[in-house]
Amino acid sequence: MIRVCSLSDLDDRKPVGFEVGAEYTPVVLVRDGDTVHALHDLCSHAAIALSEGEVTRKGVECFLHGSCFDLRTGQPSSPPATDPVDVFAVDIRDGDVYVDVTVTLN
């Protein structure tokens, strides 16, 4: 697990993009209260950063074509995307957010 940021750096339900690890994996973090979700920060339809979109009831939405991805599973809930995005493990320790980009949860 790699420390990405402080929990206090994340606003509730606002996507924020980071590059994580030696490979600079693009990751979008979304805080939902005391929970943080980590997904691959590229829409599976158009390779657009999801961190530039919004969080809706359905998940994080790509601003370009409106595809929405579930924060827990990475599954698209609306077209045009049909493939999921990777979801990564998150751990919150002592107020810091850690992400493991070496293993996907979906």
PDB file of N, CA and C in Angstrom:
ATOM      1  N   MET A   1       0.846  -1.184   0.000  1.00  0.00           N
ATOM      2  CA  MET A   1       0.000   0.000   0.000  1.00  0.00           C
ATOM      3  C   MET A   1       0.886   1.240   0.000  1.00  0.00           C
ATOM      4  N   ILE A   2       0.441   2.234  -0.747  1.00  0.00           N
ATOM      5  CA  ILE A   2       1.193   3.475  -0.889  1.00  0.00           C
ATOM      6  C   ILE A   2       0.348   4.629  -0.354  1.00  0.00           C
ATOM      7  N   ARG A   3       0.969   5.474   0.476  1.00  0.00           N
ATOM      8  CA  ARG A   3       0.262   6.653   0.969  1.00  0.00           C
ATOM      9  C   ARG A   3       0.022   7.608  -0.197  1.00  0.00           C
ATOM     10  N   VAL A   4      -1.236   8.026  -0.350  1.00  0.00           N
ATOM     11  CA  VAL A   4      -1.606   8.905  -1.452  1.00  0.00           C
ATOM     12  C   VAL A   4      -1.862  10.330  -0.968  1.00  0.00           C
ATOM     13  N   CYS A   5      -2.586  10.466   0.143  1.00  0.00           N
ATOM     14  CA  CYS A   5      -2.921  11.790   0.655  1.00  0.00           C
ATOM     15  C   CYS A   5      -3.462  11.653   2.066  1.00  0.00           C
ATOM     16  N   SER A   6      -3.791  12.778   2.649  1.00  0.00           N
ATOM     17  CA  SER A   6      -4.472  12.804   3.932  1.00  0.00           C
ATOM     18  C   SER A   6      -5.978  12.732   3.680  1.00  0.00           C
ATOM     19  N   LEU A   7      -6.708  12.099   4.572  1.00  0.00           N
ATOM     20  CA  LEU A   7      -8.162  12.037   4.428  1.00  0.00           C
ATOM     21  C   LEU A   7      -8.752  13.441   4.375  1.00  0.00           C
ATOM     22  N   SER A   8      -8.181  14.361   5.108  1.00  0.00           N
ATOM     23  CA  SER A   8      -8.685  15.734   5.130  1.00  0.00           C
ATOM     24  C   SER A   8      -8.447  16.476   3.814  1.00  0.00           C
ATOM     25  N   ASP A   9      -7.601  15.922   2.934  1.00  0.00           N
ATOM     26  CA  ASP A   9      -7.379  16.523   1.615  1.00  0.00           C
ATOM     27  C   ASP A   9      -8.543  16.268   0.659  1.00  0.00           C
ATOM     28  N   LEU A  10      -9.414  15.333   1.008  1.00  0.00           N
ATOM     29  CA  LEU A  10     -10.510  14.931   0.115  1.00  0.00           C
ATOM     30  C   LEU A  10     -11.826  15.526   0.590  1.00  0.00           C
ATOM     31  N   ASP A  11     -12.512  16.213  -0.322  1.00  0.00           N
ATOM     32  CA  ASP A  11     -13.858  16.705  -0.033  1.00  0.00           C
ATOM     33  C   ASP A  11     -14.851  15.594  -0.292  1.00  0.00           C
ATOM     34  N   ASP A  12     -15.919  15.570   0.485  1.00  0.00           N
ATOM     35  CA  ASP A  12     -16.924  14.522   0.355  1.00  0.00           C
ATOM     36  C   ASP A  12     -17.558  14.530  -1.040  1.00  0.00           C
ATOM     37  N   ARG A  13     -17.538  13.362  -1.681  1.00  0.00           N
ATOM     38  CA  ARG A  13     -18.175  13.118  -2.979  1.00  0.00           C
ATOM     39  C   ARG A  13     -17.644  14.012  -4.107  1.00  0.00           C
ATOM     40  N   LYS A  14     -16.362  14.361  -4.021  1.00  0.00           N
ATOM     41  CA  LYS A  14     -15.714  15.108  -5.099  1.00  0.00           C
ATOM     42  C   LYS A  14     -14.520  14.291  -5.579  1.00  0.00           C
ATOM     43  N   PRO A  15     -14.486  13.898  -6.849  1.00  0.00           N
ATOM     44  CA  PRO A  15     -13.380  13.073  -7.348  1.00  0.00           C
ATOM     45  C   PRO A  15     -12.072  13.864  -7.437  1.00  0.00           C
ATOM     46  N   VAL A  16     -10.980  13.195  -7.047  1.00  0.00           N
ATOM     47  CA  VAL A  16      -9.657  13.806  -7.110  1.00  0.00           C
ATOM     48  C   VAL A  16      -8.692  12.795  -7.729  1.00  0.00           C
ATOM     49  N   GLY A  17      -7.929  13.231  -8.712  1.00  0.00           N
ATOM     50  CA  GLY A  17      -7.003  12.350  -9.405  1.00  0.00           C
ATOM     51  C   GLY A  17      -5.596  12.387  -8.828  1.00  0.00           C
ATOM     52  N   PHE A  18      -4.939  11.215  -8.827  1.00  0.00           N
ATOM     53  CA  PHE A  18      -3.562  11.072  -8.363  1.00  0.00           C
ATOM     54  C   PHE A  18      -2.847  10.092  -9.280  1.00  0.00           C
ATOM     55  N   GLU A  19      -1.525  10.174  -9.312  1.00  0.00           N
ATOM     56  CA  GLU A  19      -0.696   9.149  -9.946  1.00  0.00           C
ATOM     57  C   GLU A  19      -0.020   8.393  -8.818  1.00  0.00           C
ATOM     58  N   VAL A  20      -0.192   7.066  -8.794  1.00  0.00           N
ATOM     59  CA  VAL A  20       0.215   6.278  -7.641  1.00  0.00           C
ATOM     60  C   VAL A  20       1.224   5.205  -8.032  1.00  0.00           C
ATOM     61  N   GLY A  21       2.257   5.080  -7.234  1.00  0.00           N
ATOM     62  CA  GLY A  21       3.223   3.998  -7.392  1.00  0.00           C
ATOM     63  C   GLY A  21       4.288   4.282  -8.426  1.00  0.00           C
ATOM     64  N   ALA A  22       5.180   3.311  -8.568  1.00  0.00           N
ATOM     65  CA  ALA A  22       6.319   3.441  -9.479  1.00  0.00           C
ATOM     66  C   ALA A  22       5.890   3.559 -10.936  1.00  0.00           C
ATOM     67  N   GLU A  23       4.739   3.012 -11.261  1.00  0.00           N
ATOM     68  CA  GLU A  23       4.230   3.058 -12.636  1.00  0.00           C
ATOM     69  C   GLU A  23       3.358   4.283 -12.882  1.00  0.00           C
ATOM     70  N   TYR A  24       3.177   5.120 -11.862  1.00  0.00           N
ATOM     71  CA  TYR A  24       2.330   6.319 -11.959  1.00  0.00           C
ATOM     72  C   TYR A  24       0.921   5.975 -12.442  1.00  0.00           C
ATOM     73  N   THR A  25       0.335   4.964 -11.816  1.00  0.00           N
ATOM     74  CA  THR A  25      -1.017   4.533 -12.172  1.00  0.00           C
ATOM     75  C   THR A  25      -2.012   5.656 -11.872  1.00  0.00           C
ATOM     76  N   PRO A  26      -2.816   6.050 -12.869  1.00  0.00           N
ATOM     77  CA  PRO A  26      -3.821   7.089 -12.612  1.00  0.00           C
ATOM     78  C   PRO A  26      -4.960   6.529 -11.760  1.00  0.00           C
ATOM     79  N   VAL A  27      -5.198   7.162 -10.620  1.00  0.00           N
ATOM     80  CA  VAL A  27      -6.220   6.721  -9.672  1.00  0.00           C
ATOM     81  C   VAL A  27      -7.106   7.906  -9.323  1.00  0.00           C
ATOM     82  N   VAL A  28      -8.416   7.661  -9.299  1.00  0.00           N
ATOM     83  CA  VAL A  28      -9.355   8.667  -8.815  1.00  0.00           C
ATOM     84  C   VAL A  28      -9.839   8.219  -7.442  1.00  0.00           C
ATOM     85  N   LEU A  29      -9.744   9.128  -6.469  1.00  0.00           N
ATOM     86  CA  LEU A  29     -10.254   8.863  -5.128  1.00  0.00           C
ATOM     87  C   LEU A  29     -11.543   9.637  -4.931  1.00  0.00           C
ATOM     88  N   VAL A  30     -12.515   8.973  -4.307  1.00  0.00           N
ATOM     89  CA  VAL A  30     -13.785   9.619  -3.978  1.00  0.00           C
ATOM     90  C   VAL A  30     -14.084   9.321  -2.515  1.00  0.00           C
ATOM     91  N   ARG A  31     -14.185  10.378  -1.725  1.00  0.00           N
ATOM     92  CA  ARG A  31     -14.531  10.230  -0.313  1.00  0.00           C
ATOM     93  C   ARG A  31     -16.039  10.214  -0.172  1.00  0.00           C
ATOM     94  N   ASP A  32     -16.522   9.290   0.656  1.00  0.00           N
ATOM     95  CA  ASP A  32     -17.946   9.206   0.985  1.00  0.00           C
ATOM     96  C   ASP A  32     -18.022   9.046   2.501  1.00  0.00           C
ATOM     97  N   GLY A  33     -18.009  10.172   3.212  1.00  0.00           N
ATOM     98  CA  GLY A  33     -17.955  10.132   4.671  1.00  0.00           C
ATOM     99  C   GLY A  33     -16.579   9.663   5.126  1.00  0.00           C
ATOM    100  N   ASP A  34     -16.559   8.571   5.892  1.00  0.00           N
ATOM    101  CA  ASP A  34     -15.295   8.012   6.369  1.00  0.00           C
ATOM    102  C   ASP A  34     -14.756   6.928   5.444  1.00  0.00           C
ATOM    103  N   THR A  35     -15.418   6.695   4.327  1.00  0.00           N
ATOM    104  CA  THR A  35     -14.999   5.697   3.344  1.00  0.00           C
ATOM    105  C   THR A  35     -14.367   6.398   2.152  1.00  0.00           C
ATOM    106  N   VAL A  36     -13.328   5.790   1.591  1.00  0.00           N
ATOM    107  CA  VAL A  36     -12.711   6.312   0.370  1.00  0.00           C
ATOM    108  C   VAL A  36     -12.686   5.197  -0.663  1.00  0.00           C
ATOM    109  N   HIS A  37     -13.107   5.522  -1.879  1.00  0.00           N
ATOM    110  CA  HIS A  37     -13.095   4.581  -2.994  1.00  0.00           C
ATOM    111  C   HIS A  37     -11.963   4.966  -3.942  1.00  0.00           C
ATOM    112  N   ALA A  38     -11.304   3.956  -4.510  1.00  0.00           N
ATOM    113  CA  ALA A  38     -10.212   4.183  -5.468  1.00  0.00           C
ATOM    114  C   ALA A  38     -10.503   3.404  -6.738  1.00  0.00           C
ATOM    115  N   LEU A  39     -10.549   4.107  -7.863  1.00  0.00           N
ATOM    116  CA  LEU A  39     -10.780   3.494  -9.165  1.00  0.00           C
ATOM    117  C   LEU A  39      -9.710   3.961 -10.137  1.00  0.00           C
ATOM    118  N   HIS A  40      -9.533   3.179 -11.204  1.00  0.00           N
ATOM    119  CA  HIS A  40      -8.616   3.596 -12.266  1.00  0.00           C
ATOM    120  C   HIS A  40      -9.180   4.882 -12.864  1.00  0.00           C
ATOM    121  N   ASP A  41      -8.337   5.877 -13.017  1.00  0.00           N
ATOM    122  CA  ASP A  41      -8.800   7.204 -13.418  1.00  0.00           C
ATOM    123  C   ASP A  41      -8.863   7.385 -14.931  1.00  0.00           C
ATOM    124  N   LEU A  42      -9.372   6.386 -15.623  1.00  0.00           N
ATOM    125  CA  LEU A  42      -9.583   6.490 -17.068  1.00  0.00           C
ATOM    126  C   LEU A  42     -10.893   5.812 -17.435  1.00  0.00           C
ATOM    127  N   CYS A  43     -11.780   6.542 -18.070  1.00  0.00           N
ATOM    128  CA  CYS A  43     -13.029   5.972 -18.561  1.00  0.00           C
ATOM    129  C   CYS A  43     -12.704   4.833 -19.527  1.00  0.00           C
ATOM    130  N   SER A  44     -13.366   3.709 -19.369  1.00  0.00           N
ATOM    131  CA  SER A  44     -13.095   2.556 -20.238  1.00  0.00           C
ATOM    132  C   SER A  44     -13.620   2.767 -21.653  1.00  0.00           C
ATOM    133  N   HIS A  45     -14.425   3.783 -21.868  1.00  0.00           N
ATOM    134  CA  HIS A  45     -14.955   4.055 -23.196  1.00  0.00           C
ATOM    135  C   HIS A  45     -14.068   5.014 -23.990  1.00  0.00           C
ATOM    136  N   ALA A  46     -13.613   6.096 -23.339  1.00  0.00           N
ATOM    137  CA  ALA A  46     -12.920   7.136 -24.101  1.00  0.00           C
ATOM    138  C   ALA A  46     -11.572   7.555 -23.513  1.00  0.00           C
ATOM    139  N   ALA A  47     -11.075   6.832 -22.503  1.00  0.00           N
ATOM    140  CA  ALA A  47      -9.774   7.141 -21.893  1.00  0.00           C
ATOM    141  C   ALA A  47      -9.678   8.592 -21.421  1.00  0.00           C
ATOM    142  N   ILE A  48     -10.763   9.079 -20.834  1.00  0.00           N
ATOM    143  CA  ILE A  48     -10.835  10.419 -20.252  1.00  0.00           C
ATOM    144  C   ILE A  48     -10.720  10.272 -18.734  1.00  0.00           C
ATOM    145  N   ALA A  49     -10.047  11.197 -18.073  1.00  0.00           N
ATOM    146  CA  ALA A  49      -9.891  11.134 -16.617  1.00  0.00           C
ATOM    147  C   ALA A  49     -11.244  11.259 -15.921  1.00  0.00           C
ATOM    148  N   LEU A  50     -11.605  10.244 -15.141  1.00  0.00           N
ATOM    149  CA  LEU A  50     -12.857  10.283 -14.385  1.00  0.00           C
ATOM    150  C   LEU A  50     -12.808  11.342 -13.298  1.00  0.00           C
ATOM    151  N   SER A  51     -11.608  11.689 -12.854  1.00  0.00           N
ATOM    152  CA  SER A  51     -11.469  12.719 -11.820  1.00  0.00           C
ATOM    153  C   SER A  51     -11.926  14.093 -12.313  1.00  0.00           C
ATOM    154  N   GLU A  52     -12.110  14.252 -13.608  1.00  0.00           N
ATOM    155  CA  GLU A  52     -12.613  15.508 -14.157  1.00  0.00           C
ATOM    156  C   GLU A  52     -14.138  15.547 -14.196  1.00  0.00           C
ATOM    157  N   GLY A  53     -14.767  14.434 -13.817  1.00  0.00           N
ATOM    158  CA  GLY A  53     -16.223  14.350 -13.834  1.00  0.00           C
ATOM    159  C   GLY A  53     -16.833  14.670 -12.487  1.00  0.00           C
ATOM    160  N   GLU A  54     -18.052  14.186 -12.292  1.00  0.00           N
ATOM    161  CA  GLU A  54     -18.803  14.426 -11.059  1.00  0.00           C
ATOM    162  C   GLU A  54     -19.195  13.106 -10.428  1.00  0.00           C
ATOM    163  N   VAL A  55     -19.523  13.158  -9.145  1.00  0.00           N
ATOM    164  CA  VAL A  55     -20.061  11.992  -8.456  1.00  0.00           C
ATOM    165  C   VAL A  55     -21.571  12.149  -8.384  1.00  0.00           C
ATOM    166  N   THR A  56     -22.273  11.112  -8.835  1.00  0.00           N
ATOM    167  CA  THR A  56     -23.739  11.099  -8.824  1.00  0.00           C
ATOM    168  C   THR A  56     -24.207   9.959  -7.921  1.00  0.00           C
ATOM    169  N   ARG A  57     -25.519   9.766  -7.849  1.00  0.00           N
ATOM    170  CA  ARG A  57     -26.057   8.632  -7.083  1.00  0.00           C
ATOM    171  C   ARG A  57     -25.550   7.301  -7.629  1.00  0.00           C
ATOM    172  N   LYS A  58     -25.260   7.252  -8.933  1.00  0.00           N
ATOM    173  CA  LYS A  58     -24.830   6.012  -9.584  1.00  0.00           C
ATOM    174  C   LYS A  58     -23.332   5.758  -9.470  1.00  0.00           C
ATOM    175  N   GLY A  59     -22.547   6.788  -9.180  1.00  0.00           N
ATOM    176  CA  GLY A  59     -21.098   6.617  -9.102  1.00  0.00           C
ATOM    177  C   GLY A  59     -20.377   7.829  -9.662  1.00  0.00           C
ATOM    178  N   VAL A  60     -19.174   7.583 -10.197  1.00  0.00           N
ATOM    179  CA  VAL A  60     -18.404   8.682 -10.779  1.00  0.00           C
ATOM    180  C   VAL A  60     -18.703   8.725 -12.277  1.00  0.00           C
ATOM    181  N   GLU A  61     -19.019   9.926 -12.766  1.00  0.00           N
ATOM    182  CA  GLU A  61     -19.481  10.094 -14.140  1.00  0.00           C
ATOM    183  C   GLU A  61     -18.398  10.740 -15.000  1.00  0.00           C
ATOM    184  N   CYS A  62     -18.158  10.158 -16.168  1.00  0.00           N
ATOM    185  CA  CYS A  62     -17.238  10.729 -17.140  1.00  0.00           C
ATOM    186  C   CYS A  62     -17.898  11.962 -17.766  1.00  0.00           C
ATOM    187  N   PHE A  63     -17.174  13.061 -17.757  1.00  0.00           N
ATOM    188  CA  PHE A  63     -17.776  14.307 -18.261  1.00  0.00           C
ATOM    189  C   PHE A  63     -17.981  14.308 -19.770  1.00  0.00           C
ATOM    190  N   LEU A  64     -17.240  13.492 -20.515  1.00  0.00           N
ATOM    191  CA  LEU A  64     -17.293  13.567 -21.971  1.00  0.00           C
ATOM    192  C   LEU A  64     -18.580  12.988 -22.558  1.00  0.00           C
ATOM    193  N   HIS A  65     -18.900  11.732 -22.198  1.00  0.00           N
ATOM    194  CA  HIS A  65     -20.083  11.085 -22.768  1.00  0.00           C
ATOM    195  C   HIS A  65     -21.107  10.655 -21.731  1.00  0.00           C
ATOM    196  N   GLY A  66     -20.815  10.887 -20.429  1.00  0.00           N
ATOM    197  CA  GLY A  66     -21.801  10.590 -19.388  1.00  0.00           C
ATOM    198  C   GLY A  66     -21.801   9.177 -18.850  1.00  0.00           C
ATOM    199  N   SER A  67     -20.846   8.331 -19.240  1.00  0.00           N
ATOM    200  CA  SER A  67     -20.785   6.991 -18.643  1.00  0.00           C
ATOM    201  C   SER A  67     -20.531   7.138 -17.151  1.00  0.00           C
ATOM    202  N   CYS A  68     -21.221   6.303 -16.362  1.00  0.00           N
ATOM    203  CA  CYS A  68     -21.113   6.374 -14.914  1.00  0.00           C
ATOM    204  C   CYS A  68     -20.613   5.028 -14.395  1.00  0.00           C
ATOM    205  N   PHE A  69     -19.671   5.062 -13.437  1.00  0.00           N
ATOM    206  CA  PHE A  69     -19.039   3.843 -12.916  1.00  0.00           C
ATOM    207  C   PHE A  69     -19.293   3.712 -11.423  1.00  0.00           C
ATOM    208  N   ASP A  70     -19.779   2.530 -11.011  1.00  0.00           N
ATOM    209  CA  ASP A  70     -20.062   2.250  -9.613  1.00  0.00           C
ATOM    210  C   ASP A  70     -18.781   2.373  -8.787  1.00  0.00           C
ATOM    211  N   LEU A  71     -18.849   3.067  -7.659  1.00  0.00           N
ATOM    212  CA  LEU A  71     -17.661   3.301  -6.841  1.00  0.00           C
ATOM    213  C   LEU A  71     -17.124   2.033  -6.196  1.00  0.00           C
ATOM    214  N   ARG A  72     -17.976   1.039  -5.962  1.00  0.00           N
ATOM    215  CA  ARG A  72     -17.550  -0.193  -5.298  1.00  0.00           C
ATOM    216  C   ARG A  72     -17.084  -1.275  -6.269  1.00  0.00           C
ATOM    217  N   THR A  73     -17.711  -1.323  -7.446  1.00  0.00           N
ATOM    218  CA  THR A  73     -17.428  -2.423  -8.372  1.00  0.00           C
ATOM    219  C   THR A  73     -16.717  -1.990  -9.646  1.00  0.00           C
ATOM    220  N   GLY A  74     -16.777  -0.703  -9.986  1.00  0.00           N
ATOM    221  CA  GLY A  74     -16.206  -0.213 -11.236  1.00  0.00           C
ATOM    222  C   GLY A  74     -17.064  -0.502 -12.450  1.00  0.00           C
ATOM    223  N   GLN A  75     -18.204  -1.170 -12.257  1.00  0.00           N
ATOM    224  CA  GLN A  75     -19.086  -1.509 -13.372  1.00  0.00           C
ATOM    225  C   GLN A  75     -19.779  -0.259 -13.910  1.00  0.00           C
ATOM    226  N   PRO A  76     -19.875  -0.149 -15.245  1.00  0.00           N
ATOM    227  CA  PRO A  76     -20.611   0.988 -15.811  1.00  0.00           C
ATOM    228  C   PRO A  76     -22.111   0.801 -15.607  1.00  0.00           C
ATOM    229  N   SER A  77     -22.786   1.877 -15.238  1.00  0.00           N
ATOM    230  CA  SER A  77     -24.231   1.800 -15.047  1.00  0.00           C
ATOM    231  C   SER A  77     -24.984   2.524 -16.141  1.00  0.00           C
ATOM    232  N   SER A  78     -24.231   3.144 -17.055  1.00  0.00           N
ATOM    233  CA  SER A  78     -24.874   3.829 -18.170  1.00  0.00           C
ATOM    234  C   SER A  78     -23.937   3.833 -19.368  1.00  0.00           C
ATOM    235  N   PRO A  79     -24.531   3.782 -20.581  1.00  0.00           N
ATOM    236  CA  PRO A  79     -23.708   3.797 -21.781  1.00  0.00           C
ATOM    237  C   PRO A  79     -23.079   5.168 -21.992  1.00  0.00           C
ATOM    238  N   PRO A  80     -22.101   5.260 -22.850  1.00  0.00           N
ATOM    239  CA  PRO A  80     -21.685   4.266 -23.828  1.00  0.00           C
ATOM    240  C   PRO A  80     -20.668   3.236 -23.318  1.00  0.00           C
ATOM    241  N   ALA A  81     -20.101   3.401 -22.124  1.00  0.00           N
ATOM    242  CA  ALA A  81     -19.126   2.421 -21.627  1.00  0.00           C
ATOM    243  C   ALA A  81     -19.800   1.078 -21.356  1.00  0.00           C
ATOM    244  N   THR A  82     -19.104   0.007 -21.697  1.00  0.00           N
ATOM    245  CA  THR A  82     -19.601  -1.341 -21.419  1.00  0.00           C
ATOM    246  C   THR A  82     -18.623  -2.145 -20.567  1.00  0.00           C
ATOM    247  N   ASP A  83     -17.369  -1.699 -20.486  1.00  0.00           N
ATOM    248  CA  ASP A  83     -16.351  -2.392 -19.694  1.00  0.00           C
ATOM    249  C   ASP A  83     -16.154  -1.668 -18.361  1.00  0.00           C
ATOM    250  N   PRO A  84     -15.904  -2.433 -17.284  1.00  0.00           N
ATOM    251  CA  PRO A  84     -15.664  -1.798 -15.989  1.00  0.00           C
ATOM    252  C   PRO A  84     -14.284  -1.154 -15.931  1.00  0.00           C
ATOM    253  N   VAL A  85     -14.089  -0.290 -14.949  1.00  0.00           N
ATOM    254  CA  VAL A  85     -12.764   0.242 -14.634  1.00  0.00           C
ATOM    255  C   VAL A  85     -12.268  -0.507 -13.394  1.00  0.00           C
ATOM    256  N   ASP A  86     -10.955  -0.585 -13.238  1.00  0.00           N
ATOM    257  CA  ASP A  86     -10.380  -1.283 -12.093  1.00  0.00           C
ATOM    258  C   ASP A  86     -10.706  -0.546 -10.796  1.00  0.00           C
ATOM    259  N   VAL A  87     -10.912  -1.336  -9.742  1.00  0.00           N
ATOM    260  CA  VAL A  87     -11.128  -0.818  -8.394  1.00  0.00           C
ATOM    261  C   VAL A  87      -9.962  -1.306  -7.540  1.00  0.00           C
ATOM    262  N   PHE A  88      -9.397  -0.411  -6.741  1.00  0.00           N
ATOM    263  CA  PHE A  88      -8.222  -0.732  -5.932  1.00  0.00           C
ATOM    264  C   PHE A  88      -8.563  -0.710  -4.442  1.00  0.00           C
ATOM    265  N   ALA A  89      -7.802  -1.497  -3.671  1.00  0.00           N
ATOM    266  CA  ALA A  89      -7.977  -1.545  -2.220  1.00  0.00           C
ATOM    267  C   ALA A  89      -7.524  -0.231  -1.596  1.00  0.00           C
ATOM    268  N   VAL A  90      -8.273   0.206  -0.586  1.00  0.00           N
ATOM    269  CA  VAL A  90      -7.966   1.439   0.146  1.00  0.00           C
ATOM    270  C   VAL A  90      -7.895   1.114   1.630  1.00  0.00           C
ATOM    271  N   ASP A  91      -6.940   1.715   2.307  1.00  0.00           N
ATOM    272  CA  ASP A  91      -6.835   1.607   3.756  1.00  0.00           C
ATOM    273  C   ASP A  91      -6.628   3.013   4.306  1.00  0.00           C
ATOM    274  N   ILE A  92      -7.329   3.334   5.376  1.00  0.00           N
ATOM    275  CA  ILE A  92      -7.157   4.627   6.023  1.00  0.00           C
ATOM    276  C   ILE A  92      -6.503   4.368   7.373  1.00  0.00           C
ATOM    277  N   ARG A  93      -5.299   4.946   7.549  1.00  0.00           N
ATOM    278  CA  ARG A  93      -4.526   4.763   8.780  1.00  0.00           C
ATOM    279  C   ARG A  93      -4.066   6.115   9.307  1.00  0.00           C
ATOM    280  N   ASP A  94      -4.395   6.368  10.550  1.00  0.00           N
ATOM    281  CA  ASP A  94      -3.949   7.607  11.207  1.00  0.00           C
ATOM    282  C   ASP A  94      -4.255   8.848  10.369  1.00  0.00           C
ATOM    283  N   GLY A  95      -5.424   8.847   9.726  1.00  0.00           N
ATOM    284  CA  GLY A  95      -5.845  10.002   8.940  1.00  0.00           C
ATOM    285  C   GLY A  95      -5.243  10.101   7.555  1.00  0.00           C
ATOM    286  N   ASP A  96      -4.487   9.072   7.147  1.00  0.00           N
ATOM    287  CA  ASP A  96      -3.891   9.047   5.811  1.00  0.00           C
ATOM    288  C   ASP A  96      -4.547   7.980   4.955  1.00  0.00           C
ATOM    289  N   VAL A  97      -4.621   8.233   3.646  1.00  0.00           N
ATOM    290  CA  VAL A  97      -5.240   7.312   2.692  1.00  0.00           C
ATOM    291  C   VAL A  97      -4.142   6.547   1.955  1.00  0.00           C
ATOM    292  N   TYR A  98      -4.218   5.221   2.005  1.00  0.00           N
ATOM    293  CA  TYR A  98      -3.278   4.336   1.327  1.00  0.00           C
ATOM    294  C   TYR A  98      -4.027   3.541   0.267  1.00  0.00           C
ATOM    295  N   VAL A  99      -3.386   3.348  -0.896  1.00  0.00           N
ATOM    296  CA  VAL A  99      -4.006   2.616  -2.002  1.00  0.00           C
ATOM    297  C   VAL A  99      -3.026   1.561  -2.491  1.00  0.00           C
ATOM    298  N   ASP A 100      -3.546   0.379  -2.824  1.00  0.00           N
ATOM    299  CA  ASP A 100      -2.751  -0.706  -3.404  1.00  0.00           C
ATOM    300  C   ASP A 100      -3.140  -0.842  -4.868  1.00  0.00           C
ATOM    301  N   VAL A 101      -2.279  -0.371  -5.772  1.00  0.00           N
ATOM    302  CA  VAL A 101      -2.578  -0.431  -7.202  1.00  0.00           C
ATOM    303  C   VAL A 101      -2.061  -1.719  -7.844  1.00  0.00           C
ATOM    304  N   THR A 102      -1.454  -2.604  -7.044  1.00  0.00           N
ATOM    305  CA  THR A 102      -0.904  -3.840  -7.611  1.00  0.00           C
ATOM    306  C   THR A 102      -1.952  -4.933  -7.737  1.00  0.00           C
ATOM    307  N   VAL A 103      -3.076  -4.786  -7.034  1.00  0.00           N
ATOM    308  CA  VAL A 103      -4.137  -5.798  -7.060  1.00  0.00           C
ATOM    309  C   VAL A 103      -5.474  -5.096  -7.267  1.00  0.00           C
ATOM    310  N   THR A 104      -6.250  -5.580  -8.236  1.00  0.00           N
ATOM    311  CA  THR A 104      -7.574  -5.009  -8.451  1.00  0.00           C
ATOM    312  C   THR A 104      -8.600  -5.844  -7.697  1.00  0.00           C
ATOM    313  N   LEU A 105      -9.672  -5.199  -7.252  1.00  0.00           N
ATOM    314  CA  LEU A 105     -10.713  -5.869  -6.474  1.00  0.00           C
ATOM    315  C   LEU A 105     -11.864  -6.363  -7.336  1.00  0.00           C
ATOM    316  N   ASN A 106     -11.810  -6.109  -8.617  1.00  0.00           N
ATOM    317  CA  ASN A 106     -12.927  -6.534  -9.472  1.00  0.00           C
ATOM    318  C   ASN A 106     -12.451  -7.394 -10.614  1.00  0.00           C
TER     319      ASN A 106
END
